[in-house]
């Protein structure tokens, strides 16, 4: 186990859906979460909380993580128009053994991950 998980964030992502998950991985499995986004600009969650990404999708390396989490999203329209995000998700097809989890509306992104 690499002992790291990645959380992909996008505008209006649901922070409350992943808060307990991140705490569980950190405190029970000593696996911190890296916040990933298309750039390093702060991303506002649907709750209004600004989250600052640790890394960008262009710097993401599958081999550095145990899994990628796709949280739900209250308004998916902005993310569907984000070409960097769609490109990143499409490139994950090259890693069919990499674990990706999605919560609530997060599975909508699986159309770009279809193998």
PDB file of N, CA and C in Angstrom:
ATOM      1  N   UNK A   1       0.836  -1.188   0.000  1.00  0.00           N
ATOM      2  CA  UNK A   1       0.000   0.000   0.000  1.00  0.00           C
ATOM      3  C   UNK A   1       0.879   1.249   0.000  1.00  0.00           C
ATOM      4  N   UNK A   2       0.529   2.206  -0.834  1.00  0.00           N
ATOM      5  CA  UNK A   2       1.309   3.430  -0.970  1.00  0.00           C
ATOM      6  C   UNK A   2       1.006   4.430   0.136  1.00  0.00           C
ATOM      7  N   UNK A   3      -0.098   4.211   0.824  1.00  0.00           N
ATOM      8  CA  UNK A   3      -0.471   5.041   1.974  1.00  0.00           C
ATOM      9  C   UNK A   3      -0.888   6.461   1.611  1.00  0.00           C
ATOM     10  N   UNK A   4      -1.402   6.668   0.406  1.00  0.00           N
ATOM     11  CA  UNK A   4      -1.924   7.982   0.015  1.00  0.00           C
ATOM     12  C   UNK A   4      -3.176   7.773  -0.815  1.00  0.00           C
ATOM     13  N   UNK A   5      -4.131   8.660  -0.619  1.00  0.00           N
ATOM     14  CA  UNK A   5      -5.288   8.672  -1.496  1.00  0.00           C
ATOM     15  C   UNK A   5      -5.367  10.051  -2.144  1.00  0.00           C
ATOM     16  N   UNK A   6      -6.036  10.118  -3.272  1.00  0.00           N
ATOM     17  CA  UNK A   6      -6.207  11.375  -3.997  1.00  0.00           C
ATOM     18  C   UNK A   6      -7.691  11.708  -4.056  1.00  0.00           C
ATOM     19  N   UNK A   7      -8.008  12.949  -3.811  1.00  0.00           N
ATOM     20  CA  UNK A   7      -9.382  13.440  -3.906  1.00  0.00           C
ATOM     21  C   UNK A   7      -9.417  14.462  -5.027  1.00  0.00           C
ATOM     22  N   UNK A   8     -10.168  14.175  -6.075  1.00  0.00           N
ATOM     23  CA  UNK A   8     -10.310  15.100  -7.190  1.00  0.00           C
ATOM     24  C   UNK A   8     -11.416  16.095  -6.844  1.00  0.00           C
ATOM     25  N   UNK A   9     -11.083  17.379  -6.892  1.00  0.00           N
ATOM     26  CA  UNK A   9     -12.090  18.404  -6.586  1.00  0.00           C
ATOM     27  C   UNK A   9     -12.353  19.258  -7.819  1.00  0.00           C
ATOM     28  N   UNK A  10     -13.577  19.742  -7.890  1.00  0.00           N
ATOM     29  CA  UNK A  10     -14.063  20.567  -8.987  1.00  0.00           C
ATOM     30  C   UNK A  10     -15.109  21.498  -8.395  1.00  0.00           C
ATOM     31  N   UNK A  11     -15.439  22.612  -9.059  1.00  0.00           N
ATOM     32  CA  UNK A  11     -16.388  23.564  -8.474  1.00  0.00           C
ATOM     33  C   UNK A  11     -17.697  22.896  -8.052  1.00  0.00           C
ATOM     34  N   UNK A  12     -18.128  23.238  -6.855  1.00  0.00           N
ATOM     35  CA  UNK A  12     -19.383  22.731  -6.275  1.00  0.00           C
ATOM     36  C   UNK A  12     -19.308  21.265  -5.855  1.00  0.00           C
ATOM     37  N   UNK A  13     -18.078  20.726  -5.653  1.00  0.00           N
ATOM     38  CA  UNK A  13     -17.975  19.349  -5.151  1.00  0.00           C
ATOM     39  C   UNK A  13     -18.523  19.298  -3.736  1.00  0.00           C
ATOM     40  N   UNK A  14     -18.959  18.126  -3.307  1.00  0.00           N
ATOM     41  CA  UNK A  14     -19.555  17.971  -1.987  1.00  0.00           C
ATOM     42  C   UNK A  14     -18.495  17.579  -0.962  1.00  0.00           C
ATOM     43  N   UNK A  15     -18.071  18.537  -0.172  1.00  0.00           N
ATOM     44  CA  UNK A  15     -17.064  18.295   0.852  1.00  0.00           C
ATOM     45  C   UNK A  15     -17.601  17.382   1.955  1.00  0.00           C
ATOM     46  N   UNK A  16     -18.853  17.554   2.314  1.00  0.00           N
ATOM     47  CA  UNK A  16     -19.412  16.749   3.409  1.00  0.00           C
ATOM     48  C   UNK A  16     -19.450  15.263   3.058  1.00  0.00           C
ATOM     49  N   UNK A  17     -19.508  14.932   1.778  1.00  0.00           N
ATOM     50  CA  UNK A  17     -19.531  13.523   1.381  1.00  0.00           C
ATOM     51  C   UNK A  17     -18.184  12.837   1.567  1.00  0.00           C
ATOM     52  N   UNK A  18     -17.108  13.598   1.585  1.00  0.00           N
ATOM     53  CA  UNK A  18     -15.783  12.988   1.651  1.00  0.00           C
ATOM     54  C   UNK A  18     -15.033  13.291   2.947  1.00  0.00           C
ATOM     55  N   UNK A  19     -15.572  14.162   3.771  1.00  0.00           N
ATOM     56  CA  UNK A  19     -14.885  14.543   5.014  1.00  0.00           C
ATOM     57  C   UNK A  19     -14.601  13.363   5.922  1.00  0.00           C
ATOM     58  N   UNK A  20     -15.609  12.552   6.184  1.00  0.00           N
ATOM     59  CA  UNK A  20     -15.411  11.397   7.060  1.00  0.00           C
ATOM     60  C   UNK A  20     -14.518  10.344   6.421  1.00  0.00           C
ATOM     61  N   UNK A  21     -14.620  10.202   5.123  1.00  0.00           N
ATOM     62  CA  UNK A  21     -13.765   9.253   4.408  1.00  0.00           C
ATOM     63  C   UNK A  21     -12.292   9.622   4.566  1.00  0.00           C
ATOM     64  N   UNK A  22     -11.987  10.914   4.378  1.00  0.00           N
ATOM     65  CA  UNK A  22     -10.601  11.362   4.529  1.00  0.00           C
ATOM     66  C   UNK A  22     -10.117  11.164   5.959  1.00  0.00           C
ATOM     67  N   UNK A  23     -10.965  11.444   6.917  1.00  0.00           N
ATOM     68  CA  UNK A  23     -10.589  11.249   8.323  1.00  0.00           C
ATOM     69  C   UNK A  23     -10.339   9.774   8.618  1.00  0.00           C
ATOM     70  N   UNK A  24     -11.173   8.914   8.101  1.00  0.00           N
ATOM     71  CA  UNK A  24     -11.006   7.474   8.310  1.00  0.00           C
ATOM     72  C   UNK A  24      -9.660   7.005   7.769  1.00  0.00           C
ATOM     73  N   UNK A  25      -9.343   7.365   6.537  1.00  0.00           N
ATOM     74  CA  UNK A  25      -8.066   6.959   5.955  1.00  0.00           C
ATOM     75  C   UNK A  25      -6.885   7.530   6.737  1.00  0.00           C
ATOM     76  N   UNK A  26      -7.008   8.772   7.164  1.00  0.00           N
ATOM     77  CA  UNK A  26      -5.880   9.400   7.867  1.00  0.00           C
ATOM     78  C   UNK A  26      -5.658   8.797   9.249  1.00  0.00           C
ATOM     79  N   UNK A  27      -6.695   8.689  10.045  1.00  0.00           N
ATOM     80  CA  UNK A  27      -6.528   8.282  11.434  1.00  0.00           C
ATOM     81  C   UNK A  27      -6.443   6.776  11.631  1.00  0.00           C
ATOM     82  N   UNK A  28      -7.131   5.991  10.816  1.00  0.00           N
ATOM     83  CA  UNK A  28      -7.125   4.546  11.014  1.00  0.00           C
ATOM     84  C   UNK A  28      -6.116   3.815  10.141  1.00  0.00           C
ATOM     85  N   UNK A  29      -5.753   4.397   9.009  1.00  0.00           N
ATOM     86  CA  UNK A  29      -4.837   3.727   8.095  1.00  0.00           C
ATOM     87  C   UNK A  29      -3.578   4.539   7.811  1.00  0.00           C
ATOM     88  N   UNK A  30      -3.427   5.680   8.480  1.00  0.00           N
ATOM     89  CA  UNK A  30      -2.265   6.550   8.297  1.00  0.00           C
ATOM     90  C   UNK A  30      -2.046   6.890   6.818  1.00  0.00           C
ATOM     91  N   UNK A  31      -3.153   7.113   6.107  1.00  0.00           N
ATOM     92  CA  UNK A  31      -3.115   7.455   4.684  1.00  0.00           C
ATOM     93  C   UNK A  31      -3.678   8.860   4.484  1.00  0.00           C
ATOM     94  N   UNK A  32      -2.818   9.849   4.333  1.00  0.00           N
ATOM     95  CA  UNK A  32      -3.319  11.205   4.102  1.00  0.00           C
ATOM     96  C   UNK A  32      -3.924  11.345   2.710  1.00  0.00           C
ATOM     97  N   UNK A  33      -4.681  12.398   2.541  1.00  0.00           N
ATOM     98  CA  UNK A  33      -5.339  12.686   1.268  1.00  0.00           C
ATOM     99  C   UNK A  33      -4.657  13.866   0.588  1.00  0.00           C
ATOM    100  N   UNK A  34      -4.341  13.714  -0.684  1.00  0.00           N
ATOM    101  CA  UNK A  34      -3.875  14.825  -1.496  1.00  0.00           C
ATOM    102  C   UNK A  34      -5.066  15.335  -2.297  1.00  0.00           C
ATOM    103  N   UNK A  35      -5.226  16.641  -2.323  1.00  0.00           N
ATOM    104  CA  UNK A  35      -6.308  17.267  -3.074  1.00  0.00           C
ATOM    105  C   UNK A  35      -5.791  17.566  -4.482  1.00  0.00           C
ATOM    106  N   UNK A  36      -6.492  17.064  -5.483  1.00  0.00           N
ATOM    107  CA  UNK A  36      -6.090  17.194  -6.878  1.00  0.00           C
ATOM    108  C   UNK A  36      -7.139  18.030  -7.611  1.00  0.00           C
ATOM    109  N   UNK A  37      -6.688  18.935  -8.458  1.00  0.00           N
ATOM    110  CA  UNK A  37      -7.591  19.730  -9.291  1.00  0.00           C
ATOM    111  C   UNK A  37      -6.881  20.071 -10.598  1.00  0.00           C
ATOM    112  N   UNK A  38      -7.593  20.682 -11.522  1.00  0.00           N
ATOM    113  CA  UNK A  38      -6.994  21.002 -12.821  1.00  0.00           C
ATOM    114  C   UNK A  38      -5.955  22.111 -12.727  1.00  0.00           C
ATOM    115  N   UNK A  39      -6.022  22.933 -11.687  1.00  0.00           N
ATOM    116  CA  UNK A  39      -4.976  23.927 -11.422  1.00  0.00           C
ATOM    117  C   UNK A  39      -4.903  24.139  -9.918  1.00  0.00           C
ATOM    118  N   UNK A  40      -4.024  25.000  -9.474  1.00  0.00           N
ATOM    119  CA  UNK A  40      -3.822  25.183  -8.033  1.00  0.00           C
ATOM    120  C   UNK A  40      -4.686  26.293  -7.428  1.00  0.00           C
ATOM    121  N   UNK A  41      -5.634  26.798  -8.182  1.00  0.00           N
ATOM    122  CA  UNK A  41      -6.547  27.818  -7.651  1.00  0.00           C
ATOM    123  C   UNK A  41      -7.486  27.189  -6.625  1.00  0.00           C
ATOM    124  N   UNK A  42      -7.861  27.932  -5.588  1.00  0.00           N
ATOM    125  CA  UNK A  42      -8.821  27.399  -4.622  1.00  0.00           C
ATOM    126  C   UNK A  42     -10.130  27.005  -5.306  1.00  0.00           C
ATOM    127  N   UNK A  43     -10.723  25.923  -4.822  1.00  0.00           N
ATOM    128  CA  UNK A  43     -11.977  25.405  -5.369  1.00  0.00           C
ATOM    129  C   UNK A  43     -13.034  25.512  -4.276  1.00  0.00           C
ATOM    130  N   UNK A  44     -14.178  26.113  -4.612  1.00  0.00           N
ATOM    131  CA  UNK A  44     -15.253  26.269  -3.633  1.00  0.00           C
ATOM    132  C   UNK A  44     -16.168  25.049  -3.666  1.00  0.00           C
ATOM    133  N   UNK A  45     -16.380  24.469  -2.503  1.00  0.00           N
ATOM    134  CA  UNK A  45     -17.285  23.326  -2.382  1.00  0.00           C
ATOM    135  C   UNK A  45     -18.732  23.810  -2.399  1.00  0.00           C
ATOM    136  N   UNK A  46     -19.671  22.873  -2.485  1.00  0.00           N
ATOM    137  CA  UNK A  46     -21.080  23.258  -2.466  1.00  0.00           C
ATOM    138  C   UNK A  46     -21.478  23.853  -1.110  1.00  0.00           C
ATOM    139  N   UNK A  47     -20.686  23.579  -0.089  1.00  0.00           N
ATOM    140  CA  UNK A  47     -20.950  24.141   1.234  1.00  0.00           C
ATOM    141  C   UNK A  47     -20.384  25.551   1.379  1.00  0.00           C
ATOM    142  N   UNK A  48     -19.622  26.005   0.380  1.00  0.00           N
ATOM    143  CA  UNK A  48     -19.035  27.336   0.413  1.00  0.00           C
ATOM    144  C   UNK A  48     -17.622  27.382   0.963  1.00  0.00           C
ATOM    145  N   UNK A  49     -17.022  26.224   1.212  1.00  0.00           N
ATOM    146  CA  UNK A  49     -15.670  26.152   1.766  1.00  0.00           C
ATOM    147  C   UNK A  49     -14.664  26.178   0.611  1.00  0.00           C
ATOM    148  N   UNK A  50     -13.655  27.033   0.739  1.00  0.00           N
ATOM    149  CA  UNK A  50     -12.591  27.066  -0.261  1.00  0.00           C
ATOM    150  C   UNK A  50     -11.523  26.036   0.098  1.00  0.00           C
ATOM    151  N   UNK A  51     -11.171  25.217  -0.865  1.00  0.00           N
ATOM    152  CA  UNK A  51     -10.170  24.170  -0.685  1.00  0.00           C
ATOM    153  C   UNK A  51      -9.026  24.449  -1.654  1.00  0.00           C
ATOM    154  N   UNK A  52      -7.804  24.421  -1.147  1.00  0.00           N
ATOM    155  CA  UNK A  52      -6.629  24.681  -1.976  1.00  0.00           C
ATOM    156  C   UNK A  52      -6.013  23.337  -2.380  1.00  0.00           C
ATOM    157  N   UNK A  53      -5.950  23.051  -3.674  1.00  0.00           N
ATOM    158  CA  UNK A  53      -5.378  21.783  -4.139  1.00  0.00           C
ATOM    159  C   UNK A  53      -3.892  21.654  -3.802  1.00  0.00           C
ATOM    160  N   UNK A  54      -3.465  20.407  -3.588  1.00  0.00           N
ATOM    161  CA  UNK A  54      -2.052  20.100  -3.361  1.00  0.00           C
ATOM    162  C   UNK A  54      -1.313  19.918  -4.674  1.00  0.00           C
ATOM    163  N   UNK A  55      -2.005  19.342  -5.663  1.00  0.00           N
ATOM    164  CA  UNK A  55      -1.395  19.000  -6.942  1.00  0.00           C
ATOM    165  C   UNK A  55      -2.394  19.228  -8.065  1.00  0.00           C
ATOM    166  N   UNK A  56      -1.856  19.321  -9.262  1.00  0.00           N
ATOM    167  CA  UNK A  56      -2.734  19.455 -10.425  1.00  0.00           C
ATOM    168  C   UNK A  56      -2.899  18.103 -11.116  1.00  0.00           C
ATOM    169  N   UNK A  57      -3.917  18.029 -11.945  1.00  0.00           N
ATOM    170  CA  UNK A  57      -4.142  16.803 -12.706  1.00  0.00           C
ATOM    171  C   UNK A  57      -2.966  16.519 -13.634  1.00  0.00           C
ATOM    172  N   UNK A  58      -2.309  17.552 -14.133  1.00  0.00           N
ATOM    173  CA  UNK A  58      -1.168  17.334 -15.034  1.00  0.00           C
ATOM    174  C   UNK A  58       0.025  16.735 -14.292  1.00  0.00           C
ATOM    175  N   UNK A  59       0.121  16.941 -12.985  1.00  0.00           N
ATOM    176  CA  UNK A  59       1.212  16.380 -12.202  1.00  0.00           C
ATOM    177  C   UNK A  59       0.846  15.095 -11.480  1.00  0.00           C
ATOM    178  N   UNK A  60      -0.360  14.607 -11.693  1.00  0.00           N
ATOM    179  CA  UNK A  60      -0.852  13.401 -11.023  1.00  0.00           C
ATOM    180  C   UNK A  60      -0.181  12.157 -11.584  1.00  0.00           C
ATOM    181  N   UNK A  61       0.294  11.293 -10.690  1.00  0.00           N
ATOM    182  CA  UNK A  61       0.913  10.031 -11.086  1.00  0.00           C
ATOM    183  C   UNK A  61       0.182   8.896 -10.381  1.00  0.00           C
ATOM    184  N   UNK A  62      -0.445   8.056 -11.157  1.00  0.00           N
ATOM    185  CA  UNK A  62      -1.219   6.933 -10.626  1.00  0.00           C
ATOM    186  C   UNK A  62      -0.398   6.112  -9.647  1.00  0.00           C
ATOM    187  N   UNK A  63       0.867   5.892  -9.962  1.00  0.00           N
ATOM    188  CA  UNK A  63       1.702   5.021  -9.126  1.00  0.00           C
ATOM    189  C   UNK A  63       1.953   5.586  -7.724  1.00  0.00           C
ATOM    190  N   UNK A  64       1.635   6.856  -7.497  1.00  0.00           N
ATOM    191  CA  UNK A  64       1.832   7.466  -6.183  1.00  0.00           C
ATOM    192  C   UNK A  64       0.647   7.264  -5.232  1.00  0.00           C
ATOM    193  N   UNK A  65      -0.456   6.696  -5.727  1.00  0.00           N
ATOM    194  CA  UNK A  65      -1.691   6.636  -4.940  1.00  0.00           C
ATOM    195  C   UNK A  65      -2.303   5.249  -4.909  1.00  0.00           C
ATOM    196  N   UNK A  66      -3.024   4.997  -3.830  1.00  0.00           N
ATOM    197  CA  UNK A  66      -3.792   3.761  -3.719  1.00  0.00           C
ATOM    198  C   UNK A  66      -5.122   3.876  -4.447  1.00  0.00           C
ATOM    199  N   UNK A  67      -5.681   5.084  -4.488  1.00  0.00           N
ATOM    200  CA  UNK A  67      -6.976   5.263  -5.142  1.00  0.00           C
ATOM    201  C   UNK A  67      -7.244   6.744  -5.393  1.00  0.00           C
ATOM    202  N   UNK A  68      -8.253   6.989  -6.216  1.00  0.00           N
ATOM    203  CA  UNK A  68      -8.741   8.332  -6.516  1.00  0.00           C
ATOM    204  C   UNK A  68     -10.216   8.373  -6.155  1.00  0.00           C
ATOM    205  N   UNK A  69     -10.620   9.417  -5.437  1.00  0.00           N
ATOM    206  CA  UNK A  69     -12.015   9.581  -5.038  1.00  0.00           C
ATOM    207  C   UNK A  69     -12.638  10.720  -5.844  1.00  0.00           C
ATOM    208  N   UNK A  70     -13.820  10.463  -6.412  1.00  0.00           N
ATOM    209  CA  UNK A  70     -14.597  11.471  -7.125  1.00  0.00           C
ATOM    210  C   UNK A  70     -15.815  11.805  -6.274  1.00  0.00           C
ATOM    211  N   UNK A  71     -15.831  12.958  -5.626  1.00  0.00           N
ATOM    212  CA  UNK A  71     -16.983  13.303  -4.791  1.00  0.00           C
ATOM    213  C   UNK A  71     -18.184  13.700  -5.646  1.00  0.00           C
ATOM    214  N   UNK A  72     -19.340  13.733  -5.007  1.00  0.00           N
ATOM    215  CA  UNK A  72     -20.531  14.226  -5.678  1.00  0.00           C
ATOM    216  C   UNK A  72     -20.394  15.713  -5.969  1.00  0.00           C
ATOM    217  N   UNK A  73     -21.349  16.220  -6.710  1.00  0.00           N
ATOM    218  CA  UNK A  73     -21.292  17.605  -7.154  1.00  0.00           C
ATOM    219  C   UNK A  73     -22.721  18.120  -7.304  1.00  0.00           C
ATOM    220  N   UNK A  74     -22.959  19.325  -6.821  1.00  0.00           N
ATOM    221  CA  UNK A  74     -24.328  19.848  -6.867  1.00  0.00           C
ATOM    222  C   UNK A  74     -24.701  20.408  -8.229  1.00  0.00           C
ATOM    223  N   UNK A  75     -23.734  20.969  -8.957  1.00  0.00           N
ATOM    224  CA  UNK A  75     -24.001  21.509 -10.289  1.00  0.00           C
ATOM    225  C   UNK A  75     -22.872  21.079 -11.209  1.00  0.00           C
ATOM    226  N   UNK A  76     -23.117  20.078 -11.980  1.00  0.00           N
ATOM    227  CA  UNK A  76     -22.067  19.446 -12.785  1.00  0.00           C
ATOM    228  C   UNK A  76     -21.731  20.204 -14.064  1.00  0.00           C
ATOM    229  N   UNK A  77     -22.509  21.189 -14.437  1.00  0.00           N
ATOM    230  CA  UNK A  77     -22.320  21.868 -15.725  1.00  0.00           C
ATOM    231  C   UNK A  77     -20.925  22.453 -15.910  1.00  0.00           C
ATOM    232  N   UNK A  78     -20.380  23.113 -14.889  1.00  0.00           N
ATOM    233  CA  UNK A  78     -19.036  23.698 -15.012  1.00  0.00           C
ATOM    234  C   UNK A  78     -17.970  22.632 -15.248  1.00  0.00           C
ATOM    235  N   UNK A  79     -18.111  21.526 -14.559  1.00  0.00           N
ATOM    236  CA  UNK A  79     -17.112  20.463 -14.684  1.00  0.00           C
ATOM    237  C   UNK A  79     -17.187  19.763 -16.031  1.00  0.00           C
ATOM    238  N   UNK A  80     -18.371  19.634 -16.575  1.00  0.00           N
ATOM    239  CA  UNK A  80     -18.509  18.992 -17.881  1.00  0.00           C
ATOM    240  C   UNK A  80     -17.876  19.820 -18.995  1.00  0.00           C
ATOM    241  N   UNK A  81     -17.743  21.125 -18.763  1.00  0.00           N
ATOM    242  CA  UNK A  81     -17.115  22.015 -19.734  1.00  0.00           C
ATOM    243  C   UNK A  81     -15.615  22.190 -19.497  1.00  0.00           C
ATOM    244  N   UNK A  82     -15.075  21.552 -18.457  1.00  0.00           N
ATOM    245  CA  UNK A  82     -13.665  21.686 -18.113  1.00  0.00           C
ATOM    246  C   UNK A  82     -12.854  20.647 -18.906  1.00  0.00           C
ATOM    247  N   UNK A  83     -12.237  21.087 -19.978  1.00  0.00           N
ATOM    248  CA  UNK A  83     -11.516  20.174 -20.865  1.00  0.00           C
ATOM    249  C   UNK A  83     -10.321  19.506 -20.184  1.00  0.00           C
ATOM    250  N   UNK A  84      -9.658  20.219 -19.275  1.00  0.00           N
ATOM    251  CA  UNK A  84      -8.534  19.616 -18.548  1.00  0.00           C
ATOM    252  C   UNK A  84      -9.025  18.465 -17.669  1.00  0.00           C
ATOM    253  N   UNK A  85     -10.164  18.644 -17.042  1.00  0.00           N
ATOM    254  CA  UNK A  85     -10.732  17.604 -16.182  1.00  0.00           C
ATOM    255  C   UNK A  85     -11.126  16.380 -17.011  1.00  0.00           C
ATOM    256  N   UNK A  86     -11.799  16.607 -18.108  1.00  0.00           N
ATOM    257  CA  UNK A  86     -12.232  15.504 -18.963  1.00  0.00           C
ATOM    258  C   UNK A  86     -11.024  14.773 -19.547  1.00  0.00           C
ATOM    259  N   UNK A  87     -10.004  15.508 -19.947  1.00  0.00           N
ATOM    260  CA  UNK A  87      -8.780  14.890 -20.471  1.00  0.00           C
ATOM    261  C   UNK A  87      -8.118  14.020 -19.401  1.00  0.00           C
ATOM    262  N   UNK A  88      -8.028  14.540 -18.180  1.00  0.00           N
ATOM    263  CA  UNK A  88      -7.440  13.783 -17.073  1.00  0.00           C
ATOM    264  C   UNK A  88      -8.197  12.474 -16.853  1.00  0.00           C
ATOM    265  N   UNK A  89      -9.516  12.554 -16.791  1.00  0.00           N
ATOM    266  CA  UNK A  89     -10.320  11.355 -16.568  1.00  0.00           C
ATOM    267  C   UNK A  89     -10.174  10.372 -17.724  1.00  0.00           C
ATOM    268  N   UNK A  90     -10.126  10.885 -18.934  1.00  0.00           N
ATOM    269  CA  UNK A  90      -9.959  10.016 -20.107  1.00  0.00           C
ATOM    270  C   UNK A  90      -8.625   9.280 -20.069  1.00  0.00           C
ATOM    271  N   UNK A  91      -7.585   9.937 -19.592  1.00  0.00           N
ATOM    272  CA  UNK A  91      -6.255   9.313 -19.532  1.00  0.00           C
ATOM    273  C   UNK A  91      -6.192   8.180 -18.510  1.00  0.00           C
ATOM    274  N   UNK A  92      -7.095   8.173 -17.559  1.00  0.00           N
ATOM    275  CA  UNK A  92      -7.096   7.102 -16.560  1.00  0.00           C
ATOM    276  C   UNK A  92      -7.502   5.760 -17.167  1.00  0.00           C
ATOM    277  N   UNK A  93      -8.043   5.777 -18.381  1.00  0.00           N
ATOM    278  CA  UNK A  93      -8.353   4.525 -19.082  1.00  0.00           C
ATOM    279  C   UNK A  93      -7.092   3.698 -19.296  1.00  0.00           C
ATOM    280  N   UNK A  94      -5.948   4.369 -19.324  1.00  0.00           N
ATOM    281  CA  UNK A  94      -4.676   3.682 -19.533  1.00  0.00           C
ATOM    282  C   UNK A  94      -4.221   2.919 -18.294  1.00  0.00           C
ATOM    283  N   UNK A  95      -4.982   3.017 -17.212  1.00  0.00           N
ATOM    284  CA  UNK A  95      -4.629   2.372 -15.944  1.00  0.00           C
ATOM    285  C   UNK A  95      -5.828   1.585 -15.416  1.00  0.00           C
ATOM    286  N   UNK A  96      -6.202   0.501 -16.095  1.00  0.00           N
ATOM    287  CA  UNK A  96      -7.429  -0.222 -15.727  1.00  0.00           C
ATOM    288  C   UNK A  96      -7.407  -0.853 -14.332  1.00  0.00           C
ATOM    289  N   UNK A  97      -6.239  -1.028 -13.735  1.00  0.00           N
ATOM    290  CA  UNK A  97      -6.153  -1.623 -12.404  1.00  0.00           C
ATOM    291  C   UNK A  97      -6.174  -0.590 -11.286  1.00  0.00           C
ATOM    292  N   UNK A  98      -6.164   0.682 -11.635  1.00  0.00           N
ATOM    293  CA  UNK A  98      -6.162   1.747 -10.630  1.00  0.00           C
ATOM    294  C   UNK A  98      -7.570   1.892 -10.053  1.00  0.00           C
ATOM    295  N   UNK A  99      -7.641   1.914  -8.725  1.00  0.00           N
ATOM    296  CA  UNK A  99      -8.924   1.977  -8.030  1.00  0.00           C
ATOM    297  C   UNK A  99      -9.475   3.402  -8.027  1.00  0.00           C
ATOM    298  N   UNK A 100     -10.719   3.548  -8.494  1.00  0.00           N
ATOM    299  CA  UNK A 100     -11.405   4.840  -8.506  1.00  0.00           C
ATOM    300  C   UNK A 100     -12.746   4.652  -7.817  1.00  0.00           C
ATOM    301  N   UNK A 101     -12.998   5.492  -6.818  1.00  0.00           N
ATOM    302  CA  UNK A 101     -14.271   5.451  -6.116  1.00  0.00           C
ATOM    303  C   UNK A 101     -15.046   6.730  -6.389  1.00  0.00           C
ATOM    304  N   UNK A 102     -16.357   6.611  -6.467  1.00  0.00           N
ATOM    305  CA  UNK A 102     -17.190   7.778  -6.730  1.00  0.00           C
ATOM    306  C   UNK A 102     -18.397   7.757  -5.801  1.00  0.00           C
ATOM    307  N   UNK A 103     -18.790   8.932  -5.361  1.00  0.00           N
ATOM    308  CA  UNK A 103     -19.875   9.086  -4.404  1.00  0.00           C
ATOM    309  C   UNK A 103     -20.979   9.928  -5.034  1.00  0.00           C
ATOM    310  N   UNK A 104     -22.220   9.588  -4.758  1.00  0.00           N
ATOM    311  CA  UNK A 104     -23.396  10.361  -5.159  1.00  0.00           C
ATOM    312  C   UNK A 104     -23.400  10.607  -6.671  1.00  0.00           C
ATOM    313  N   UNK A 105     -23.223  11.839  -7.107  1.00  0.00           N
ATOM    314  CA  UNK A 105     -23.236  12.137  -8.545  1.00  0.00           C
ATOM    315  C   UNK A 105     -21.855  12.001  -9.180  1.00  0.00           C
ATOM    316  N   UNK A 106     -20.841  11.670  -8.405  1.00  0.00           N
ATOM    317  CA  UNK A 106     -19.489  11.486  -8.935  1.00  0.00           C
ATOM    318  C   UNK A 106     -19.407  10.462 -10.060  1.00  0.00           C
ATOM    319  N   UNK A 107     -20.215   9.376 -10.037  1.00  0.00           N
ATOM    320  CA  UNK A 107     -20.134   8.398 -11.125  1.00  0.00           C
ATOM    321  C   UNK A 107     -20.481   8.950 -12.508  1.00  0.00           C
ATOM    322  N   UNK A 108     -21.060  10.138 -12.594  1.00  0.00           N
ATOM    323  CA  UNK A 108     -21.343  10.724 -13.903  1.00  0.00           C
ATOM    324  C   UNK A 108     -20.056  10.847 -14.718  1.00  0.00           C
ATOM    325  N   UNK A 109     -18.928  10.990 -14.030  1.00  0.00           N
ATOM    326  CA  UNK A 109     -17.651  11.119 -14.719  1.00  0.00           C
ATOM    327  C   UNK A 109     -17.169   9.797 -15.310  1.00  0.00           C
ATOM    328  N   UNK A 110     -17.798   8.710 -14.954  1.00  0.00           N
ATOM    329  CA  UNK A 110     -17.378   7.411 -15.464  1.00  0.00           C
ATOM    330  C   UNK A 110     -17.559   7.273 -16.967  1.00  0.00           C
ATOM    331  N   UNK A 111     -18.345   8.141 -17.591  1.00  0.00           N
ATOM    332  CA  UNK A 111     -18.481   8.047 -19.040  1.00  0.00           C
ATOM    333  C   UNK A 111     -17.131   8.256 -19.723  1.00  0.00           C
ATOM    334  N   UNK A 112     -16.224   8.992 -19.086  1.00  0.00           N
ATOM    335  CA  UNK A 112     -14.886   9.189 -19.653  1.00  0.00           C
ATOM    336  C   UNK A 112     -13.923   8.122 -19.183  1.00  0.00           C
ATOM    337  N   UNK A 113     -14.362   7.307 -18.234  1.00  0.00           N
ATOM    338  CA  UNK A 113     -13.508   6.253 -17.713  1.00  0.00           C
ATOM    339  C   UNK A 113     -13.898   4.888 -18.255  1.00  0.00           C
ATOM    340  N   UNK A 114     -14.947   4.818 -19.072  1.00  0.00           N
ATOM    341  CA  UNK A 114     -15.431   3.525 -19.557  1.00  0.00           C
ATOM    342  C   UNK A 114     -14.312   2.787 -20.274  1.00  0.00           C
ATOM    343  N   UNK A 115     -14.170   1.549 -19.897  1.00  0.00           N
ATOM    344  CA  UNK A 115     -13.096   0.735 -20.469  1.00  0.00           C
ATOM    345  C   UNK A 115     -13.652  -0.026 -21.604  1.00  0.00           C
TER     346      UNK A 115
END
